[in-house]
Amino acid sequence: MAPPARHAELVHRANHEGLAGASVFHGFTGFGAERRIHRERPAHLAAKGPCAVVLVDEEDRLRCFLLRVQDVLEHTKAVAVLERVRIHWTGARAVG
């Protein structure tokens, strides 16, 4: 069986460690460090297209998590961007 994609591994580990949230976004068009524009069909996005994993939690928890997932990140050209955000709730909030 093939190993899980790196983005899936990050999401599973974030969930296991109890981080507040995680989302994966695959773009149809984008570029990265090599400055090459990616335009892939949806079937190919998981393997080759641009991808962003967004993790949500307190800064210190995210910094610790990044240290614990170095084994996943060291095989990528990934960068980590830590941004302070304000959360605006609309509608009903989940309780618990």
C-alpha atoms as a PDB file:
ATOM      1  CA  MET A   1       0.000   0.000   0.000  1.00  0.00           C
ATOM      2  CA  ALA A   2       1.326   3.453  -0.897  1.00  0.00           C
ATOM      3  CA  PRO A   3       2.128   5.863   1.943  1.00  0.00           C
ATOM      4  CA  PRO A   4      -0.413   8.667   2.479  1.00  0.00           C
ATOM      5  CA  ALA A   5       0.196  11.955   0.722  1.00  0.00           C
ATOM      6  CA  ARG A   6       2.178  14.380   2.842  1.00  0.00           C
ATOM      7  CA  HIS A   7      -0.731  16.790   3.167  1.00  0.00           C
ATOM      8  CA  ALA A   8      -2.970  13.973   4.419  1.00  0.00           C
ATOM      9  CA  GLU A   9      -0.305  12.917   6.911  1.00  0.00           C
ATOM     10  CA  LEU A  10      -0.139  16.475   8.296  1.00  0.00           C
ATOM     11  CA  VAL A  11      -3.919  16.647   8.683  1.00  0.00           C
ATOM     12  CA  HIS A  12      -4.078  13.263  10.428  1.00  0.00           C
ATOM     13  CA  ARG A  13      -1.277  14.192  12.824  1.00  0.00           C
ATOM     14  CA  ALA A  14      -2.865  17.583  13.557  1.00  0.00           C
ATOM     15  CA  ASN A  15      -6.142  15.839  14.363  1.00  0.00           C
ATOM     16  CA  HIS A  16      -4.407  13.236  16.536  1.00  0.00           C
ATOM     17  CA  GLU A  17      -2.611  15.968  18.485  1.00  0.00           C
ATOM     18  CA  GLY A  18      -5.841  17.884  19.035  1.00  0.00           C
ATOM     19  CA  LEU A  19      -5.119  21.023  17.031  1.00  0.00           C
ATOM     20  CA  ALA A  20      -8.135  23.287  16.561  1.00  0.00           C
ATOM     21  CA  GLY A  21      -8.431  22.764  12.801  1.00  0.00           C
ATOM     22  CA  ALA A  22      -6.811  21.784   9.525  1.00  0.00           C
ATOM     23  CA  SER A  23      -7.762  22.275   5.880  1.00  0.00           C
ATOM     24  CA  VAL A  24      -6.092  21.346   2.601  1.00  0.00           C
ATOM     25  CA  PHE A  25      -6.453  23.504  -0.496  1.00  0.00           C
ATOM     26  CA  HIS A  26      -5.390  22.285  -3.922  1.00  0.00           C
ATOM     27  CA  GLY A  27      -5.149  25.018  -6.507  1.00  0.00           C
ATOM     28  CA  PHE A  28      -5.737  24.667 -10.191  1.00  0.00           C
ATOM     29  CA  THR A  29      -3.238  27.379 -10.965  1.00  0.00           C
ATOM     30  CA  GLY A  30      -0.311  28.611  -8.935  1.00  0.00           C
ATOM     31  CA  PHE A  31       3.453  28.707  -8.595  1.00  0.00           C
ATOM     32  CA  GLY A  32       6.117  28.192  -5.962  1.00  0.00           C
ATOM     33  CA  ALA A  33       9.850  28.525  -5.432  1.00  0.00           C
ATOM     34  CA  GLU A  34      10.696  27.363  -8.964  1.00  0.00           C
ATOM     35  CA  ARG A  35       8.473  30.121 -10.435  1.00  0.00           C
ATOM     36  CA  ARG A  36       6.850  27.599 -12.788  1.00  0.00           C
ATOM     37  CA  ILE A  37       3.102  28.087 -13.273  1.00  0.00           C
ATOM     38  CA  HIS A  38       1.160  24.890 -12.522  1.00  0.00           C
ATOM     39  CA  ARG A  39      -2.019  24.269 -14.484  1.00  0.00           C
ATOM     40  CA  GLU A  40      -3.121  20.742 -13.782  1.00  0.00           C
ATOM     41  CA  ARG A  41      -6.316  18.822 -14.236  1.00  0.00           C
ATOM     42  CA  PRO A  42      -8.082  17.887 -10.962  1.00  0.00           C
ATOM     43  CA  ALA A  43      -7.053  14.225 -11.182  1.00  0.00           C
ATOM     44  CA  HIS A  44      -3.396  15.249 -11.085  1.00  0.00           C
ATOM     45  CA  LEU A  45      -3.581  17.861  -8.324  1.00  0.00           C
ATOM     46  CA  ALA A  46      -2.857  15.512  -5.441  1.00  0.00           C
ATOM     47  CA  ALA A  47       0.444  14.464  -6.947  1.00  0.00           C
ATOM     48  CA  LYS A  48       1.787  17.584  -8.663  1.00  0.00           C
ATOM     49  CA  GLY A  49      -0.329  20.700  -8.224  1.00  0.00           C
ATOM     50  CA  PRO A  50       0.058  23.522  -5.742  1.00  0.00           C
ATOM     51  CA  CYS A  51      -1.171  22.665  -2.275  1.00  0.00           C
ATOM     52  CA  ALA A  52      -1.620  24.576   0.985  1.00  0.00           C
ATOM     53  CA  VAL A  53      -2.252  23.021   4.382  1.00  0.00           C
ATOM     54  CA  VAL A  54      -3.786  25.495   6.819  1.00  0.00           C
ATOM     55  CA  LEU A  55      -3.541  24.628  10.504  1.00  0.00           C
ATOM     56  CA  VAL A  56      -5.391  26.580  13.180  1.00  0.00           C
ATOM     57  CA  ASP A  57      -4.480  26.773  16.862  1.00  0.00           C
ATOM     58  CA  GLU A  58      -2.518  28.875  19.331  1.00  0.00           C
ATOM     59  CA  GLU A  59       0.935  29.969  18.174  1.00  0.00           C
ATOM     60  CA  ASP A  60       2.929  27.962  20.717  1.00  0.00           C
ATOM     61  CA  ARG A  61       0.994  24.773  19.884  1.00  0.00           C
ATOM     62  CA  LEU A  62       1.597  25.312  16.154  1.00  0.00           C
ATOM     63  CA  ARG A  63       5.326  25.886  16.692  1.00  0.00           C
ATOM     64  CA  CYS A  64       5.578  22.646  18.686  1.00  0.00           C
ATOM     65  CA  PHE A  65       3.596  20.789  16.026  1.00  0.00           C
ATOM     66  CA  LEU A  66       5.941  22.021  13.280  1.00  0.00           C
ATOM     67  CA  LEU A  67       8.895  20.609  15.207  1.00  0.00           C
ATOM     68  CA  ARG A  68       7.168  17.236  15.526  1.00  0.00           C
ATOM     69  CA  VAL A  69       6.382  16.939  11.799  1.00  0.00           C
ATOM     70  CA  GLN A  70       9.881  17.665  10.504  1.00  0.00           C
ATOM     71  CA  ASP A  71      10.056  14.075   9.231  1.00  0.00           C
ATOM     72  CA  VAL A  72       7.201  14.908   6.839  1.00  0.00           C
ATOM     73  CA  LEU A  73       8.322  18.418   5.902  1.00  0.00           C
ATOM     74  CA  GLU A  74      11.984  17.619   5.261  1.00  0.00           C
ATOM     75  CA  HIS A  75      11.050  15.810   2.037  1.00  0.00           C
ATOM     76  CA  THR A  76       9.178  18.798   0.602  1.00  0.00           C
ATOM     77  CA  LYS A  77       9.840  22.348  -0.492  1.00  0.00           C
ATOM     78  CA  ALA A  78       7.321  23.438   2.133  1.00  0.00           C
ATOM     79  CA  VAL A  79       7.412  26.733   3.944  1.00  0.00           C
ATOM     80  CA  ALA A  80       5.559  27.507   7.155  1.00  0.00           C
ATOM     81  CA  VAL A  81       3.805  30.846   7.557  1.00  0.00           C
ATOM     82  CA  LEU A  82       2.582  31.748  11.037  1.00  0.00           C
ATOM     83  CA  GLU A  83      -0.034  34.493  11.010  1.00  0.00           C
ATOM     84  CA  ARG A  84      -2.062  35.934  13.828  1.00  0.00           C
ATOM     85  CA  VAL A  85      -5.737  35.929  12.884  1.00  0.00           C
ATOM     86  CA  ARG A  86      -9.006  37.154  14.296  1.00  0.00           C
ATOM     87  CA  ILE A  87     -11.842  34.677  14.197  1.00  0.00           C
ATOM     88  CA  HIS A  88     -15.229  36.046  13.249  1.00  0.00           C
ATOM     89  CA  TRP A  89     -18.062  33.644  14.037  1.00  0.00           C
ATOM     90  CA  THR A  90     -21.238  33.789  11.978  1.00  0.00           C
ATOM     91  CA  GLY A  91     -24.313  31.720  12.638  1.00  0.00           C
ATOM     92  CA  ALA A  92     -24.452  28.974  15.225  1.00  0.00           C
ATOM     93  CA  ARG A  93     -21.234  27.917  16.936  1.00  0.00           C
ATOM     94  CA  ALA A  94     -20.455  24.310  17.686  1.00  0.00           C
ATOM     95  CA  VAL A  95     -20.395  23.562  21.409  1.00  0.00           C
ATOM     96  CA  GLY A  96     -18.077  21.070  23.046  1.00  0.00           C
END
